[in-house]
């Protein structure tokens, strides 16, 4: 399995996990110049942008460590473009990370706020 296939598998696991938690998936792989949103979902009346990180182990800080401040900035810019294009109506937005490991899925709600490095 190549890296792209592994990423797609991890994303599918994240979608299934989020759906079981009550999230409605609105978009997958929304791509704009300079970035991509893995999953866009609705949870209650909140718009949630979800970054999926899959790793074989927790080595080197694990999946969450891969969501660097530079990555957070790209996600925030892509989110702005999604909102401009789709014009969704929500009370609030949030950035989550779903970490996919071989035997575990960890969902980190509100993992970061744009402009503030919190990871």
N, C-alpha and C. Protein backbone atom coordinates (compact mmCIF):
# COMPACT_ATOMS: atom_id res chain seq x y z
N UNK A 1 0.85 -1.18 0.00
CA UNK A 1 0.00 0.00 0.00
C UNK A 1 0.89 1.23 0.00
N UNK A 2 0.67 2.14 -0.96
CA UNK A 2 1.49 3.35 -1.00
C UNK A 2 0.94 4.40 -0.03
N UNK A 3 1.64 5.51 0.08
CA UNK A 3 1.29 6.56 1.04
C UNK A 3 -0.10 7.14 0.76
N UNK A 4 -0.40 7.35 -0.51
CA UNK A 4 -1.70 7.92 -0.87
C UNK A 4 -2.84 6.97 -0.48
N UNK A 5 -2.66 5.68 -0.77
CA UNK A 5 -3.68 4.69 -0.41
C UNK A 5 -3.84 4.61 1.11
N UNK A 6 -2.74 4.66 1.82
CA UNK A 6 -2.80 4.62 3.29
C UNK A 6 -3.56 5.84 3.81
N UNK A 7 -3.30 7.01 3.22
CA UNK A 7 -4.00 8.22 3.62
C UNK A 7 -5.50 8.13 3.37
N UNK A 8 -5.86 7.57 2.23
CA UNK A 8 -7.28 7.40 1.91
C UNK A 8 -7.94 6.42 2.89
N UNK A 9 -7.23 5.38 3.26
CA UNK A 9 -7.76 4.42 4.23
C UNK A 9 -7.96 5.09 5.58
N UNK A 10 -6.98 5.86 6.01
CA UNK A 10 -7.10 6.58 7.27
C UNK A 10 -8.26 7.57 7.26
N UNK A 11 -8.42 8.26 6.14
CA UNK A 11 -9.52 9.21 6.00
C UNK A 11 -10.87 8.50 6.08
N UNK A 12 -10.97 7.35 5.43
CA UNK A 12 -12.22 6.59 5.47
C UNK A 12 -12.53 6.14 6.89
N UNK A 13 -11.52 5.71 7.63
CA UNK A 13 -11.71 5.33 9.04
C UNK A 13 -12.18 6.53 9.85
N UNK A 14 -11.61 7.70 9.58
CA UNK A 14 -12.01 8.92 10.30
C UNK A 14 -13.44 9.29 9.99
N UNK A 15 -13.84 9.18 8.72
CA UNK A 15 -15.22 9.49 8.33
C UNK A 15 -16.19 8.56 9.05
N UNK A 16 -15.89 7.27 9.06
CA UNK A 16 -16.76 6.31 9.74
C UNK A 16 -16.85 6.62 11.24
N UNK A 17 -15.72 6.93 11.84
CA UNK A 17 -15.68 7.27 13.27
C UNK A 17 -16.53 8.51 13.55
N UNK A 18 -16.32 9.57 12.77
CA UNK A 18 -17.06 10.82 12.99
C UNK A 18 -18.56 10.62 12.76
N UNK A 19 -18.93 9.86 11.75
CA UNK A 19 -20.34 9.60 11.47
C UNK A 19 -20.99 8.89 12.66
N UNK A 20 -20.29 7.93 13.23
CA UNK A 20 -20.83 7.23 14.42
C UNK A 20 -20.99 8.17 15.61
N UNK A 21 -20.20 9.24 15.63
CA UNK A 21 -20.27 10.21 16.72
C UNK A 21 -21.34 11.29 16.49
N UNK A 22 -22.02 11.21 15.36
CA UNK A 22 -23.10 12.15 15.08
C UNK A 22 -22.73 13.30 14.15
N UNK A 23 -21.56 13.25 13.52
CA UNK A 23 -21.15 14.28 12.57
C UNK A 23 -21.77 13.98 11.21
N UNK A 24 -22.17 15.03 10.52
CA UNK A 24 -22.66 14.91 9.15
C UNK A 24 -21.53 15.38 8.24
N UNK A 25 -21.05 14.53 7.36
CA UNK A 25 -19.96 14.87 6.47
C UNK A 25 -20.49 15.72 5.32
N UNK A 26 -19.93 16.91 5.15
CA UNK A 26 -20.36 17.83 4.10
C UNK A 26 -19.44 17.77 2.88
N UNK A 27 -18.14 17.56 3.12
CA UNK A 27 -17.18 17.52 2.01
C UNK A 27 -15.95 16.74 2.44
N UNK A 28 -15.29 16.18 1.43
CA UNK A 28 -14.02 15.49 1.65
C UNK A 28 -13.03 16.00 0.60
N UNK A 29 -11.81 16.17 1.02
CA UNK A 29 -10.73 16.59 0.13
C UNK A 29 -11.06 17.86 -0.65
N UNK A 30 -11.54 18.87 0.07
CA UNK A 30 -11.81 20.16 -0.54
C UNK A 30 -10.46 20.84 -0.77
N UNK A 31 -10.11 21.02 -2.05
CA UNK A 31 -8.79 21.51 -2.40
C UNK A 31 -8.87 22.92 -2.97
N UNK A 32 -7.99 23.77 -2.46
CA UNK A 32 -7.83 25.13 -2.98
C UNK A 32 -6.33 25.36 -3.16
N UNK A 33 -6.00 26.40 -3.85
CA UNK A 33 -4.59 26.73 -4.04
C UNK A 33 -3.93 26.90 -2.67
N UNK A 34 -2.92 26.09 -2.42
CA UNK A 34 -2.18 26.21 -1.17
C UNK A 34 -2.66 25.33 -0.04
N UNK A 35 -3.72 24.55 -0.25
CA UNK A 35 -4.16 23.72 0.85
C UNK A 35 -5.31 22.80 0.52
N UNK A 36 -5.58 21.91 1.46
CA UNK A 36 -6.67 20.96 1.31
C UNK A 36 -7.29 20.70 2.68
N UNK A 37 -8.61 20.59 2.68
CA UNK A 37 -9.34 20.21 3.89
C UNK A 37 -9.71 18.74 3.72
N UNK A 38 -9.24 17.90 4.64
CA UNK A 38 -9.53 16.47 4.52
C UNK A 38 -11.02 16.20 4.65
N UNK A 39 -11.63 16.76 5.71
CA UNK A 39 -13.05 16.53 5.96
C UNK A 39 -13.67 17.84 6.44
N UNK A 40 -14.84 18.16 5.91
CA UNK A 40 -15.65 19.26 6.42
C UNK A 40 -16.94 18.62 6.90
N UNK A 41 -17.31 18.93 8.14
CA UNK A 41 -18.48 18.28 8.73
C UNK A 41 -19.33 19.27 9.50
N UNK A 42 -20.55 18.84 9.76
CA UNK A 42 -21.47 19.58 10.63
C UNK A 42 -21.61 18.77 11.91
N UNK A 43 -21.50 19.45 13.04
CA UNK A 43 -21.79 18.82 14.33
C UNK A 43 -22.67 19.79 15.09
N UNK A 44 -23.92 19.38 15.28
CA UNK A 44 -24.95 20.26 15.82
C UNK A 44 -25.03 21.45 14.89
N UNK A 45 -24.83 22.68 15.37
CA UNK A 45 -24.85 23.83 14.47
C UNK A 45 -23.46 24.44 14.34
N UNK A 46 -22.46 23.56 14.31
CA UNK A 46 -21.07 23.98 14.20
C UNK A 46 -20.47 23.42 12.91
N UNK A 47 -19.68 24.24 12.23
CA UNK A 47 -18.95 23.80 11.06
C UNK A 47 -17.58 23.35 11.55
N UNK A 48 -17.21 22.11 11.23
CA UNK A 48 -15.98 21.53 11.74
C UNK A 48 -15.07 21.14 10.58
N UNK A 49 -13.86 21.68 10.60
CA UNK A 49 -12.83 21.34 9.63
C UNK A 49 -11.93 20.32 10.30
N UNK A 50 -11.80 19.15 9.68
CA UNK A 50 -11.09 18.03 10.31
C UNK A 50 -9.86 17.67 9.50
N UNK A 51 -8.72 17.71 10.15
CA UNK A 51 -7.47 17.24 9.55
C UNK A 51 -7.26 15.81 10.03
N UNK A 52 -6.97 14.91 9.10
CA UNK A 52 -6.74 13.51 9.43
C UNK A 52 -5.25 13.22 9.30
N UNK A 53 -4.67 12.66 10.34
CA UNK A 53 -3.26 12.28 10.31
C UNK A 53 -3.15 10.81 10.67
N UNK A 54 -2.58 10.06 9.77
CA UNK A 54 -2.40 8.62 9.99
C UNK A 54 -0.91 8.35 10.13
N UNK A 55 -0.56 7.54 11.12
CA UNK A 55 0.82 7.15 11.34
C UNK A 55 0.88 5.69 11.75
N UNK A 56 2.01 5.08 11.53
CA UNK A 56 2.20 3.69 11.91
C UNK A 56 2.49 3.55 13.40
N UNK A 57 2.95 4.64 14.04
CA UNK A 57 3.26 4.59 15.46
C UNK A 57 3.25 6.00 16.04
N UNK A 58 3.50 6.09 17.33
CA UNK A 58 3.58 7.38 18.01
C UNK A 58 4.99 7.96 17.93
N UNK A 59 5.89 7.31 17.22
CA UNK A 59 7.27 7.79 17.10
C UNK A 59 7.28 9.21 16.53
N UNK A 60 8.27 9.96 16.90
CA UNK A 60 8.46 11.33 16.41
C UNK A 60 7.28 12.23 16.76
N UNK A 61 6.64 11.97 17.89
CA UNK A 61 5.55 12.82 18.33
C UNK A 61 4.18 12.36 17.90
N UNK A 62 4.10 11.35 17.07
CA UNK A 62 2.81 10.83 16.64
C UNK A 62 2.10 11.73 15.66
N UNK A 63 0.89 11.38 15.31
CA UNK A 63 0.15 12.11 14.28
C UNK A 63 -0.13 13.57 14.63
N UNK A 64 -0.45 13.85 15.87
CA UNK A 64 -0.81 15.21 16.26
C UNK A 64 0.34 16.18 16.06
N UNK A 65 1.56 15.72 16.27
CA UNK A 65 2.73 16.57 16.11
C UNK A 65 2.92 17.02 14.66
N UNK A 66 2.30 16.30 13.72
CA UNK A 66 2.44 16.65 12.30
C UNK A 66 1.57 17.85 11.90
N UNK A 67 0.71 18.29 12.80
CA UNK A 67 -0.14 19.46 12.50
C UNK A 67 0.59 20.68 13.06
N UNK A 68 1.60 21.09 12.32
CA UNK A 68 2.48 22.18 12.72
C UNK A 68 1.78 23.53 12.58
N UNK A 69 2.36 24.59 13.14
CA UNK A 69 1.77 25.93 12.94
C UNK A 69 1.63 26.29 11.46
N UNK A 70 2.58 25.90 10.63
CA UNK A 70 2.46 26.17 9.18
C UNK A 70 1.27 25.42 8.59
N UNK A 71 1.07 24.17 8.99
CA UNK A 71 -0.08 23.38 8.52
C UNK A 71 -1.38 24.00 9.01
N UNK A 72 -1.40 24.45 10.25
CA UNK A 72 -2.59 25.10 10.80
C UNK A 72 -2.95 26.33 9.98
N UNK A 73 -1.96 27.10 9.59
CA UNK A 73 -2.21 28.30 8.79
C UNK A 73 -2.81 27.93 7.44
N UNK A 74 -2.25 26.90 6.79
CA UNK A 74 -2.80 26.46 5.50
C UNK A 74 -4.24 25.97 5.64
N UNK A 75 -4.53 25.26 6.73
CA UNK A 75 -5.89 24.78 6.96
C UNK A 75 -6.85 25.95 7.17
N UNK A 76 -6.42 26.94 7.92
CA UNK A 76 -7.26 28.11 8.16
C UNK A 76 -7.55 28.86 6.85
N UNK A 77 -6.54 29.01 6.01
CA UNK A 77 -6.74 29.68 4.72
C UNK A 77 -7.68 28.88 3.82
N UNK A 78 -7.54 27.57 3.82
CA UNK A 78 -8.44 26.72 3.03
C UNK A 78 -9.87 26.81 3.58
N UNK A 79 -10.00 26.90 4.89
CA UNK A 79 -11.33 27.02 5.52
C UNK A 79 -12.01 28.32 5.09
N UNK A 80 -11.24 29.39 5.03
CA UNK A 80 -11.80 30.67 4.58
C UNK A 80 -12.32 30.53 3.15
N UNK A 81 -11.56 29.86 2.30
CA UNK A 81 -12.00 29.66 0.92
C UNK A 81 -13.25 28.78 0.85
N UNK A 82 -13.31 27.75 1.69
CA UNK A 82 -14.51 26.90 1.72
C UNK A 82 -15.73 27.75 2.08
N UNK A 83 -15.59 28.57 3.09
CA UNK A 83 -16.71 29.41 3.54
C UNK A 83 -17.12 30.38 2.44
N UNK A 84 -16.14 30.97 1.75
CA UNK A 84 -16.46 31.89 0.65
C UNK A 84 -17.20 31.20 -0.48
N UNK A 85 -16.78 29.99 -0.83
CA UNK A 85 -17.38 29.25 -1.95
C UNK A 85 -18.73 28.66 -1.58
N UNK A 86 -18.82 28.05 -0.43
CA UNK A 86 -20.03 27.30 -0.05
C UNK A 86 -21.05 28.11 0.73
N UNK A 87 -20.63 29.21 1.34
CA UNK A 87 -21.51 30.10 2.12
C UNK A 87 -22.36 29.34 3.14
N UNK A 88 -21.77 28.47 3.92
CA UNK A 88 -22.58 27.74 4.91
C UNK A 88 -23.00 28.66 6.06
N UNK A 89 -24.11 28.34 6.67
CA UNK A 89 -24.63 29.13 7.81
C UNK A 89 -24.50 28.29 9.07
N UNK A 90 -23.62 28.71 9.95
CA UNK A 90 -23.36 28.00 11.20
C UNK A 90 -23.16 29.00 12.31
N UNK A 91 -23.39 28.56 13.53
CA UNK A 91 -23.17 29.42 14.69
C UNK A 91 -21.68 29.62 14.97
N UNK A 92 -20.87 28.59 14.70
CA UNK A 92 -19.44 28.69 14.98
C UNK A 92 -18.68 27.68 14.13
N UNK A 93 -17.36 27.83 14.13
CA UNK A 93 -16.51 26.88 13.44
C UNK A 93 -15.47 26.35 14.41
N UNK A 94 -14.89 25.22 14.02
CA UNK A 94 -13.90 24.58 14.89
C UNK A 94 -12.94 23.78 14.01
N UNK A 95 -11.71 23.64 14.47
CA UNK A 95 -10.71 22.84 13.79
C UNK A 95 -10.37 21.64 14.66
N UNK A 96 -10.64 20.44 14.15
CA UNK A 96 -10.36 19.20 14.87
C UNK A 96 -9.26 18.44 14.15
N UNK A 97 -8.65 17.50 14.87
CA UNK A 97 -7.69 16.58 14.27
C UNK A 97 -8.13 15.17 14.65
N UNK A 98 -8.13 14.27 13.68
CA UNK A 98 -8.36 12.86 13.95
C UNK A 98 -7.04 12.14 13.67
N UNK A 99 -6.52 11.50 14.72
CA UNK A 99 -5.26 10.76 14.63
C UNK A 99 -5.59 9.29 14.45
N UNK A 100 -5.08 8.70 13.38
CA UNK A 100 -5.35 7.30 13.08
C UNK A 100 -4.04 6.52 13.25
N UNK A 101 -4.06 5.58 14.16
CA UNK A 101 -2.95 4.67 14.41
C UNK A 101 -3.43 3.26 14.11
N UNK A 102 -2.55 2.29 14.00
CA UNK A 102 -2.98 0.93 13.62
C UNK A 102 -4.15 0.37 14.45
N UNK A 103 -4.15 0.58 15.74
CA UNK A 103 -5.22 0.01 16.58
C UNK A 103 -5.99 1.06 17.36
N UNK A 104 -5.96 2.29 16.88
CA UNK A 104 -6.56 3.36 17.68
C UNK A 104 -6.92 4.55 16.80
N UNK A 105 -8.05 5.18 17.12
CA UNK A 105 -8.42 6.45 16.52
C UNK A 105 -8.64 7.42 17.67
N UNK A 106 -7.96 8.55 17.58
CA UNK A 106 -8.11 9.58 18.60
C UNK A 106 -8.65 10.84 17.94
N UNK A 107 -9.75 11.36 18.48
CA UNK A 107 -10.36 12.58 17.97
C UNK A 107 -10.02 13.71 18.93
N UNK A 108 -9.41 14.77 18.40
CA UNK A 108 -9.04 15.92 19.22
C UNK A 108 -9.90 17.10 18.77
N UNK A 109 -11.05 17.32 19.44
CA UNK A 109 -11.89 18.46 19.09
C UNK A 109 -11.20 19.77 19.44
N UNK A 110 -11.42 20.78 18.63
CA UNK A 110 -10.86 22.11 18.87
C UNK A 110 -9.35 22.01 19.10
N UNK A 111 -8.68 21.28 18.23
CA UNK A 111 -7.24 21.02 18.37
C UNK A 111 -6.40 22.27 18.30
N UNK A 112 -6.87 23.25 17.54
CA UNK A 112 -6.14 24.51 17.46
C UNK A 112 -7.09 25.61 17.04
N UNK A 113 -6.67 26.84 17.34
CA UNK A 113 -7.40 28.02 16.87
C UNK A 113 -6.49 28.72 15.88
N UNK A 114 -7.02 29.12 14.74
CA UNK A 114 -6.17 29.80 13.76
C UNK A 114 -5.49 31.02 14.38
N UNK A 115 -4.21 31.15 14.09
CA UNK A 115 -3.46 32.26 14.64
C UNK A 115 -2.84 32.00 15.99
N UNK A 116 -3.21 30.89 16.62
CA UNK A 116 -2.65 30.52 17.92
C UNK A 116 -2.16 29.09 17.84
N UNK A 117 -0.89 28.89 18.09
CA UNK A 117 -0.34 27.54 18.08
C UNK A 117 -0.62 26.90 19.42
N UNK A 118 -1.55 25.93 19.45
CA UNK A 118 -1.95 25.32 20.71
C UNK A 118 -1.57 23.85 20.81
N UNK A 119 -1.05 23.26 19.75
CA UNK A 119 -0.68 21.84 19.80
C UNK A 119 0.65 21.65 20.47
